[in-house]
């Protein structure tokens, strides 16, 4: 179906609207082949030149670029957005987590707060996952303290918190075990 969407798009008039851009970015994301990447990147270059592109289109383009593994261009597009919305932040934060860069995810959260964008359930889940990757207790506690109390009833938040605390404690256990092994090996070699 995505190939057919691109076929139709290539037969269209040269000035697509926001809905068409969003559909084509999604089709390119689904394809992830040479054609999809080529068409998608060409359209990203086009939208930089237009002034009437909305955040939905820009978020779709960011998502597409990230699905291609093009974090650099996705970041550039994200930074070019005049007023990012919560969805823009979700897309970038998820990408940072998937690319094992949880610190960038946490930095985006700080930027988001400075812009007075209210985080939602998904943002907090992404932050919890970033904390889980970092395994730093103080950062985890700081993020957990910022979660509104009404979200503690949320099953997805609770599950993410359980996973985070379990991974932190496993990390601590492994660290302790490693230190114990080093000590034990050292003792047996010098006995």
Protein backbone atom coordinates (compact mmCIF):
# COMPACT_ATOMS: atom_id res chain seq x y z
CA UNK A 1 0.00 0.00 0.00
CA UNK A 2 2.83 2.42 0.82
CA UNK A 3 4.32 1.90 -2.64
CA UNK A 4 0.96 2.70 -4.20
CA UNK A 5 0.70 5.88 -2.09
CA UNK A 6 4.08 6.99 -3.43
CA UNK A 7 3.00 6.12 -6.99
CA UNK A 8 -0.07 8.33 -6.61
CA UNK A 9 1.96 11.09 -4.99
CA UNK A 10 4.47 11.14 -7.84
CA UNK A 11 1.60 11.65 -10.32
CA UNK A 12 0.14 14.56 -8.33
CA UNK A 13 0.53 18.27 -8.88
CA UNK A 14 3.78 19.62 -7.47
CA UNK A 15 2.27 21.48 -4.48
CA UNK A 16 1.05 19.02 -1.82
CA UNK A 17 -0.86 20.18 1.23
CA UNK A 18 -0.18 19.28 4.89
CA UNK A 19 -2.37 16.16 4.79
CA UNK A 20 -0.55 14.81 1.72
CA UNK A 21 2.83 15.47 3.32
CA UNK A 22 1.78 13.57 6.44
CA UNK A 23 0.49 10.61 4.41
CA UNK A 24 3.64 10.44 2.29
CA UNK A 25 5.97 10.71 5.31
CA UNK A 26 4.06 7.82 6.86
CA UNK A 27 4.32 5.80 3.63
CA UNK A 28 8.08 6.44 3.50
CA UNK A 29 8.36 5.39 7.15
CA UNK A 30 6.53 2.16 6.39
CA UNK A 31 8.69 1.38 3.36
CA UNK A 32 12.15 2.15 4.78
CA UNK A 33 13.64 1.23 1.41
CA UNK A 34 15.74 3.25 -1.03
CA UNK A 35 12.69 4.77 -2.67
CA UNK A 36 11.04 5.69 0.62
CA UNK A 37 14.20 7.26 1.97
CA UNK A 38 14.81 9.19 -1.26
CA UNK A 39 11.25 10.56 -1.50
CA UNK A 40 11.08 11.28 2.23
CA UNK A 41 14.33 13.22 2.37
CA UNK A 42 13.42 15.16 -0.77
CA UNK A 43 10.15 16.22 0.87
CA UNK A 44 11.92 17.22 4.09
CA UNK A 45 14.08 19.57 2.02
CA UNK A 46 10.92 21.00 0.42
CA UNK A 47 9.14 21.69 3.70
CA UNK A 48 12.11 23.73 4.96
CA UNK A 49 11.29 26.22 2.19
CA UNK A 50 7.59 26.53 3.04
CA UNK A 51 5.98 28.67 5.71
CA UNK A 52 2.57 27.03 6.00
CA UNK A 53 3.73 23.66 7.36
CA UNK A 54 2.11 22.68 10.65
CA UNK A 55 3.55 20.72 13.57
CA UNK A 56 1.72 17.54 12.55
CA UNK A 57 3.65 17.44 9.29
CA UNK A 58 6.93 18.34 10.98
CA UNK A 59 6.42 15.64 13.62
CA UNK A 60 5.68 13.12 10.86
CA UNK A 61 8.88 14.15 9.10
CA UNK A 62 10.89 13.82 12.33
CA UNK A 63 9.39 10.39 12.97
CA UNK A 64 10.25 9.34 9.42
CA UNK A 65 13.85 10.55 9.67
CA UNK A 66 14.27 8.74 12.97
CA UNK A 67 12.88 5.54 11.47
CA UNK A 68 15.66 5.83 8.86
CA UNK A 69 18.18 6.22 11.70
CA UNK A 70 18.89 9.82 10.69
CA UNK A 71 18.98 11.34 14.18
CA UNK A 72 21.12 14.30 13.08
CA UNK A 73 18.59 15.60 10.54
CA UNK A 74 15.68 14.82 12.85
CA UNK A 75 17.35 16.98 15.53
CA UNK A 76 17.86 19.79 13.02
CA UNK A 77 14.21 19.64 12.01
CA UNK A 78 13.11 19.53 15.66
CA UNK A 79 15.23 22.60 16.44
CA UNK A 80 13.82 24.43 13.42
CA UNK A 81 10.26 24.17 14.71
CA UNK A 82 9.21 27.55 16.02
CA UNK A 83 7.04 26.17 18.83
CA UNK A 84 7.44 22.46 19.55
CA UNK A 85 4.47 20.70 21.03
CA UNK A 86 4.26 17.73 23.35
CA UNK A 87 4.15 15.33 20.38
CA UNK A 88 7.42 16.74 19.00
CA UNK A 89 9.05 16.12 22.34
CA UNK A 90 7.65 12.58 22.52
CA UNK A 91 9.07 11.69 19.13
CA UNK A 92 12.55 13.00 19.94
CA UNK A 93 12.63 11.57 23.47
CA UNK A 94 11.63 8.14 22.21
CA UNK A 95 14.36 8.31 19.58
CA UNK A 96 16.97 9.20 22.16
CA UNK A 97 15.91 6.28 24.33
CA UNK A 98 15.98 3.88 21.38
CA UNK A 99 19.42 5.15 20.38
CA UNK A 100 20.72 4.67 23.92
CA UNK A 101 21.04 8.39 24.65
CA UNK A 102 18.94 8.88 27.79
CA UNK A 103 20.75 12.07 28.83
CA UNK A 104 19.49 13.86 25.72
CA UNK A 105 16.01 12.65 26.60
CA UNK A 106 16.31 14.22 30.06
CA UNK A 107 17.73 17.45 28.58
CA UNK A 108 14.70 17.71 26.30
CA UNK A 109 12.47 17.40 29.35
CA UNK A 110 14.22 20.39 30.91
CA UNK A 111 13.79 22.36 27.68
CA UNK A 112 10.15 21.35 27.58
CA UNK A 113 9.58 22.67 31.10
CA UNK A 114 11.22 25.99 30.19
CA UNK A 115 8.74 26.33 27.33
CA UNK A 116 5.85 25.65 29.76
CA UNK A 117 4.75 22.55 27.87
CA UNK A 118 2.86 20.27 30.21
CA UNK A 119 4.19 16.70 30.08
CA UNK A 120 1.68 13.93 29.62
CA UNK A 121 1.65 10.24 30.55
CA UNK A 122 3.78 9.25 27.56
CA UNK A 123 6.44 11.85 28.35
CA UNK A 124 6.74 10.49 31.89
CA UNK A 125 6.98 6.92 30.61
CA UNK A 126 9.79 7.98 28.26
CA UNK A 127 11.53 9.75 31.14
CA UNK A 128 11.19 6.68 33.35
CA UNK A 129 12.73 4.56 30.58
CA UNK A 130 15.59 7.05 30.25
CA UNK A 131 16.15 6.81 34.00
CA UNK A 132 16.10 3.04 33.75
CA UNK A 133 18.89 3.20 31.16
CA UNK A 134 20.95 5.54 33.32
CA UNK A 135 20.50 3.56 36.55
CA UNK A 136 21.30 6.65 38.60
CA UNK A 137 19.19 6.71 41.73
CA UNK A 138 19.26 10.48 42.29
CA UNK A 139 18.05 11.24 38.75
CA UNK A 140 15.35 8.58 39.02
CA UNK A 141 14.12 10.04 42.30
CA UNK A 142 14.08 13.53 40.79
CA UNK A 143 11.96 12.43 37.83
CA UNK A 144 9.60 10.37 39.99
CA UNK A 145 9.07 13.40 42.25
CA UNK A 146 7.84 15.38 39.21
CA UNK A 147 5.17 12.86 38.23
CA UNK A 148 1.74 14.23 39.16
CA UNK A 149 0.00 12.13 41.78
CA UNK A 150 -3.01 11.42 39.54
CA UNK A 151 -0.70 9.47 37.21
CA UNK A 152 0.27 7.01 39.95
CA UNK A 153 -3.03 5.23 39.25
CA UNK A 154 -2.02 4.76 35.62
CA UNK A 155 -1.10 1.15 34.90
CA UNK A 156 1.51 2.02 32.27
CA UNK A 157 3.22 4.47 34.62
CA UNK A 158 3.20 1.88 37.42
CA UNK A 159 4.66 -0.79 35.14
CA UNK A 160 7.37 1.57 33.90
CA UNK A 161 8.25 2.51 37.48
CA UNK A 162 8.47 -1.13 38.52
CA UNK A 163 10.75 -1.87 35.56
CA UNK A 164 12.91 1.14 36.39
CA UNK A 165 13.32 0.29 40.07
CA UNK A 166 14.00 -3.36 39.22
CA UNK A 167 16.69 -2.43 36.69
CA UNK A 168 18.34 -0.01 39.13
CA UNK A 169 18.41 -2.63 41.86
CA UNK A 170 19.70 -5.27 39.42
CA UNK A 171 22.44 -2.87 38.39
CA UNK A 172 23.34 -2.31 42.04
CA UNK A 173 23.28 -6.07 42.68
CA UNK A 174 25.53 -6.73 39.69
CA UNK A 175 27.89 -3.98 40.78
CA UNK A 176 28.06 -5.44 44.28
CA UNK A 177 28.56 -8.93 42.86
CA UNK A 178 31.35 -7.65 40.60
CA UNK A 179 33.10 -5.97 43.55
CA UNK A 180 32.68 -9.13 45.63
CA UNK A 181 34.20 -11.26 42.84
CA UNK A 182 37.14 -8.89 42.48
CA UNK A 183 37.70 -9.04 46.22
CA UNK A 184 37.31 -12.83 46.35
CA UNK A 185 39.64 -13.40 43.39
CA UNK A 186 42.17 -11.03 44.93
CA UNK A 187 42.00 -12.88 48.24
CA UNK A 188 42.44 -16.32 46.67
CA UNK A 189 45.42 -15.19 44.56
CA UNK A 190 47.25 -13.73 47.49
CA UNK A 191 46.55 -16.59 49.94
